[in-house]
């Protein structure tokens, strides 16, 4: 929820500066190094672009695992898999009309968003 509150320009994306600024305010939330974020494909942005954090990659990243024993890790469960599965079940095919997708997404229930979802015009247009 904290990361979603930091979204400014694109859904699922937080600037690196916002990511670290929040850590300074809160004191203990986001402390991963730039090197770690880059190595785990959480940090995005090429030369000349503003570096960003992709929220789903961060949530499912190794730093959110509470225990790791060799080949086994105990990590936070991501809601994304459940939501994607729900969409796939309802669409029942490899493609769907943008209106159908936006209607389905508007009705998805998750711990991080209220129902109904209000998708931006830009987001619907990009479908």
C-alpha atoms as a PDB file:
ATOM      1  CA  UNK A   1       0.000   0.000   0.000  1.00  0.00           C
ATOM      2  CA  UNK A   2       2.853   2.418   0.784  1.00  0.00           C
ATOM      3  CA  UNK A   3       4.350   2.037  -2.671  1.00  0.00           C
ATOM      4  CA  UNK A   4       1.001   2.524  -4.373  1.00  0.00           C
ATOM      5  CA  UNK A   5       0.573   5.766  -2.442  1.00  0.00           C
ATOM      6  CA  UNK A   6       3.891   6.946  -3.940  1.00  0.00           C
ATOM      7  CA  UNK A   7       2.778   6.378  -7.560  1.00  0.00           C
ATOM      8  CA  UNK A   8       2.745   9.654  -9.457  1.00  0.00           C
ATOM      9  CA  UNK A   9       2.901   9.265 -13.224  1.00  0.00           C
ATOM     10  CA  UNK A  10       2.400   5.600 -14.134  1.00  0.00           C
ATOM     11  CA  UNK A  11       0.510   2.757 -12.448  1.00  0.00           C
ATOM     12  CA  UNK A  12       2.893   0.298 -10.800  1.00  0.00           C
ATOM     13  CA  UNK A  13       5.881   2.645 -11.041  1.00  0.00           C
ATOM     14  CA  UNK A  14       7.588   4.762  -8.361  1.00  0.00           C
ATOM     15  CA  UNK A  15      10.572   7.000  -8.954  1.00  0.00           C
ATOM     16  CA  UNK A  16      13.733   5.987  -7.147  1.00  0.00           C
ATOM     17  CA  UNK A  17      13.858   9.381  -5.451  1.00  0.00           C
ATOM     18  CA  UNK A  18      10.309   8.921  -4.051  1.00  0.00           C
ATOM     19  CA  UNK A  19      11.224   5.405  -2.943  1.00  0.00           C
ATOM     20  CA  UNK A  20      14.197   6.626  -0.901  1.00  0.00           C
ATOM     21  CA  UNK A  21      12.543   9.879   0.262  1.00  0.00           C
ATOM     22  CA  UNK A  22       9.790   7.869   1.918  1.00  0.00           C
ATOM     23  CA  UNK A  23      12.435   5.780   3.672  1.00  0.00           C
ATOM     24  CA  UNK A  24      13.921   8.923   5.167  1.00  0.00           C
ATOM     25  CA  UNK A  25      10.539  10.128   6.403  1.00  0.00           C
ATOM     26  CA  UNK A  26       9.409   6.785   7.825  1.00  0.00           C
ATOM     27  CA  UNK A  27      12.832   5.646   8.997  1.00  0.00           C
ATOM     28  CA  UNK A  28      12.752   1.924   8.302  1.00  0.00           C
ATOM     29  CA  UNK A  29      10.816   0.911   5.221  1.00  0.00           C
ATOM     30  CA  UNK A  30      12.862   0.905   2.003  1.00  0.00           C
ATOM     31  CA  UNK A  31      16.590   0.387   2.521  1.00  0.00           C
ATOM     32  CA  UNK A  32      17.664  -1.773  -0.414  1.00  0.00           C
ATOM     33  CA  UNK A  33      20.753  -0.504  -2.236  1.00  0.00           C
ATOM     34  CA  UNK A  34      20.706   0.680  -5.844  1.00  0.00           C
ATOM     35  CA  UNK A  35      23.003  -2.256  -6.668  1.00  0.00           C
ATOM     36  CA  UNK A  36      20.563  -4.759  -5.160  1.00  0.00           C
ATOM     37  CA  UNK A  37      17.587  -3.147  -6.933  1.00  0.00           C
ATOM     38  CA  UNK A  38      19.443  -3.280 -10.234  1.00  0.00           C
ATOM     39  CA  UNK A  39      20.648  -6.896  -9.811  1.00  0.00           C
ATOM     40  CA  UNK A  40      17.138  -8.128  -9.014  1.00  0.00           C
ATOM     41  CA  UNK A  41      15.492  -6.305 -11.973  1.00  0.00           C
ATOM     42  CA  UNK A  42      13.537  -4.025  -9.660  1.00  0.00           C
ATOM     43  CA  UNK A  43      15.275  -0.832 -10.780  1.00  0.00           C
ATOM     44  CA  UNK A  44      14.455   0.400 -14.265  1.00  0.00           C
ATOM     45  CA  UNK A  45      15.585   3.334 -16.364  1.00  0.00           C
ATOM     46  CA  UNK A  46      18.342   3.587 -18.867  1.00  0.00           C
ATOM     47  CA  UNK A  47      20.866   6.337 -19.279  1.00  0.00           C
ATOM     48  CA  UNK A  48      19.090   9.679 -19.464  1.00  0.00           C
ATOM     49  CA  UNK A  49      15.844   8.426 -17.937  1.00  0.00           C
ATOM     50  CA  UNK A  50      14.594   8.921 -14.399  1.00  0.00           C
ATOM     51  CA  UNK A  51      15.333   5.704 -12.461  1.00  0.00           C
ATOM     52  CA  UNK A  52      12.153   3.970 -11.325  1.00  0.00           C
ATOM     53  CA  UNK A  53      11.037   1.053  -9.170  1.00  0.00           C
ATOM     54  CA  UNK A  54       8.510  -1.367 -10.669  1.00  0.00           C
ATOM     55  CA  UNK A  55       6.189  -2.131  -7.732  1.00  0.00           C
ATOM     56  CA  UNK A  56       5.316  -5.777  -8.633  1.00  0.00           C
ATOM     57  CA  UNK A  57       9.037  -6.601  -9.023  1.00  0.00           C
ATOM     58  CA  UNK A  58       9.794  -5.060  -5.627  1.00  0.00           C
ATOM     59  CA  UNK A  59       6.940  -6.836  -3.861  1.00  0.00           C
ATOM     60  CA  UNK A  60       8.001 -10.235  -5.193  1.00  0.00           C
ATOM     61  CA  UNK A  61      11.722  -9.527  -4.748  1.00  0.00           C
ATOM     62  CA  UNK A  62      14.035 -11.524  -2.480  1.00  0.00           C
ATOM     63  CA  UNK A  63      14.188  -8.755   0.150  1.00  0.00           C
ATOM     64  CA  UNK A  64      10.551  -9.508   0.988  1.00  0.00           C
ATOM     65  CA  UNK A  65      11.315 -13.120   1.855  1.00  0.00           C
ATOM     66  CA  UNK A  66      11.319 -13.840   5.577  1.00  0.00           C
ATOM     67  CA  UNK A  67      13.438 -16.990   5.374  1.00  0.00           C
ATOM     68  CA  UNK A  68      15.682 -18.636   2.833  1.00  0.00           C
ATOM     69  CA  UNK A  69      17.145 -22.118   3.065  1.00  0.00           C
ATOM     70  CA  UNK A  70      19.121 -23.045  -0.041  1.00  0.00           C
ATOM     71  CA  UNK A  71      16.574 -23.686  -2.754  1.00  0.00           C
ATOM     72  CA  UNK A  72      13.527 -22.838  -0.591  1.00  0.00           C
ATOM     73  CA  UNK A  73      12.361 -19.330   0.332  1.00  0.00           C
ATOM     74  CA  UNK A  74       9.381 -18.164   2.374  1.00  0.00           C
ATOM     75  CA  UNK A  75       8.202 -14.937   0.765  1.00  0.00           C
ATOM     76  CA  UNK A  76       5.267 -12.544   0.846  1.00  0.00           C
ATOM     77  CA  UNK A  77       2.359 -13.656  -1.281  1.00  0.00           C
ATOM     78  CA  UNK A  78       1.672 -11.388  -4.228  1.00  0.00           C
ATOM     79  CA  UNK A  79      -1.907 -10.525  -5.037  1.00  0.00           C
ATOM     80  CA  UNK A  80      -0.962 -10.089  -8.692  1.00  0.00           C
ATOM     81  CA  UNK A  81      -1.092 -13.819  -9.424  1.00  0.00           C
ATOM     82  CA  UNK A  82      -4.595 -14.162  -8.018  1.00  0.00           C
ATOM     83  CA  UNK A  83      -5.846 -11.102  -9.897  1.00  0.00           C
ATOM     84  CA  UNK A  84      -4.277 -12.243 -13.175  1.00  0.00           C
ATOM     85  CA  UNK A  85      -5.789 -15.703 -12.746  1.00  0.00           C
ATOM     86  CA  UNK A  86      -9.205 -14.177 -12.112  1.00  0.00           C
ATOM     87  CA  UNK A  87      -8.936 -12.127 -15.317  1.00  0.00           C
ATOM     88  CA  UNK A  88      -7.767 -15.137 -17.344  1.00  0.00           C
ATOM     89  CA  UNK A  89     -10.657 -17.247 -16.043  1.00  0.00           C
ATOM     90  CA  UNK A  90     -13.212 -14.619 -17.001  1.00  0.00           C
ATOM     91  CA  UNK A  91     -11.688 -13.788 -20.403  1.00  0.00           C
ATOM     92  CA  UNK A  92     -11.108 -17.452 -21.367  1.00  0.00           C
ATOM     93  CA  UNK A  93      -8.927 -16.677 -24.355  1.00  0.00           C
ATOM     94  CA  UNK A  94      -5.658 -15.130 -25.537  1.00  0.00           C
ATOM     95  CA  UNK A  95      -7.208 -11.698 -26.217  1.00  0.00           C
ATOM     96  CA  UNK A  96     -10.185  -9.536 -25.273  1.00  0.00           C
ATOM     97  CA  UNK A  97     -11.717  -6.223 -26.229  1.00  0.00           C
ATOM     98  CA  UNK A  98     -10.381  -3.265 -24.213  1.00  0.00           C
ATOM     99  CA  UNK A  99     -13.880  -2.506 -22.890  1.00  0.00           C
ATOM    100  CA  UNK A 100     -14.190  -6.034 -21.493  1.00  0.00           C
ATOM    101  CA  UNK A 101     -10.781  -5.837 -19.829  1.00  0.00           C
ATOM    102  CA  UNK A 102     -11.483  -2.434 -18.292  1.00  0.00           C
ATOM    103  CA  UNK A 103     -14.880  -3.602 -17.007  1.00  0.00           C
ATOM    104  CA  UNK A 104     -13.320  -6.701 -15.449  1.00  0.00           C
ATOM    105  CA  UNK A 105     -10.434  -4.764 -13.890  1.00  0.00           C
ATOM    106  CA  UNK A 106     -12.888  -2.214 -12.475  1.00  0.00           C
ATOM    107  CA  UNK A 107     -14.550  -5.027 -10.536  1.00  0.00           C
ATOM    108  CA  UNK A 108     -11.436  -6.752  -9.191  1.00  0.00           C
ATOM    109  CA  UNK A 109     -11.269  -6.892  -5.413  1.00  0.00           C
ATOM    110  CA  UNK A 110      -7.858  -6.432  -3.813  1.00  0.00           C
ATOM    111  CA  UNK A 111      -6.443  -5.288  -0.504  1.00  0.00           C
ATOM    112  CA  UNK A 112      -4.771  -2.313  -2.189  1.00  0.00           C
ATOM    113  CA  UNK A 113      -7.713  -0.768  -4.034  1.00  0.00           C
ATOM    114  CA  UNK A 114     -11.364   0.053  -3.543  1.00  0.00           C
ATOM    115  CA  UNK A 115     -14.101  -1.328  -5.765  1.00  0.00           C
ATOM    116  CA  UNK A 116     -15.096  -0.130  -8.248  1.00  0.00           C
ATOM    117  CA  UNK A 117     -11.732   0.785  -9.732  1.00  0.00           C
ATOM    118  CA  UNK A 118     -11.712   4.004 -11.720  1.00  0.00           C
ATOM    119  CA  UNK A 119      -9.281   3.476 -14.580  1.00  0.00           C
ATOM    120  CA  UNK A 120      -7.826   6.590 -16.135  1.00  0.00           C
ATOM    121  CA  UNK A 121      -8.703   7.424 -19.732  1.00  0.00           C
ATOM    122  CA  UNK A 122      -5.025   7.114 -20.622  1.00  0.00           C
ATOM    123  CA  UNK A 123      -4.797   3.624 -19.123  1.00  0.00           C
ATOM    124  CA  UNK A 124      -7.937   2.424 -20.946  1.00  0.00           C
ATOM    125  CA  UNK A 125      -6.645   3.929 -24.202  1.00  0.00           C
ATOM    126  CA  UNK A 126      -3.371   1.971 -23.798  1.00  0.00           C
ATOM    127  CA  UNK A 127      -5.286  -1.329 -23.600  1.00  0.00           C
END
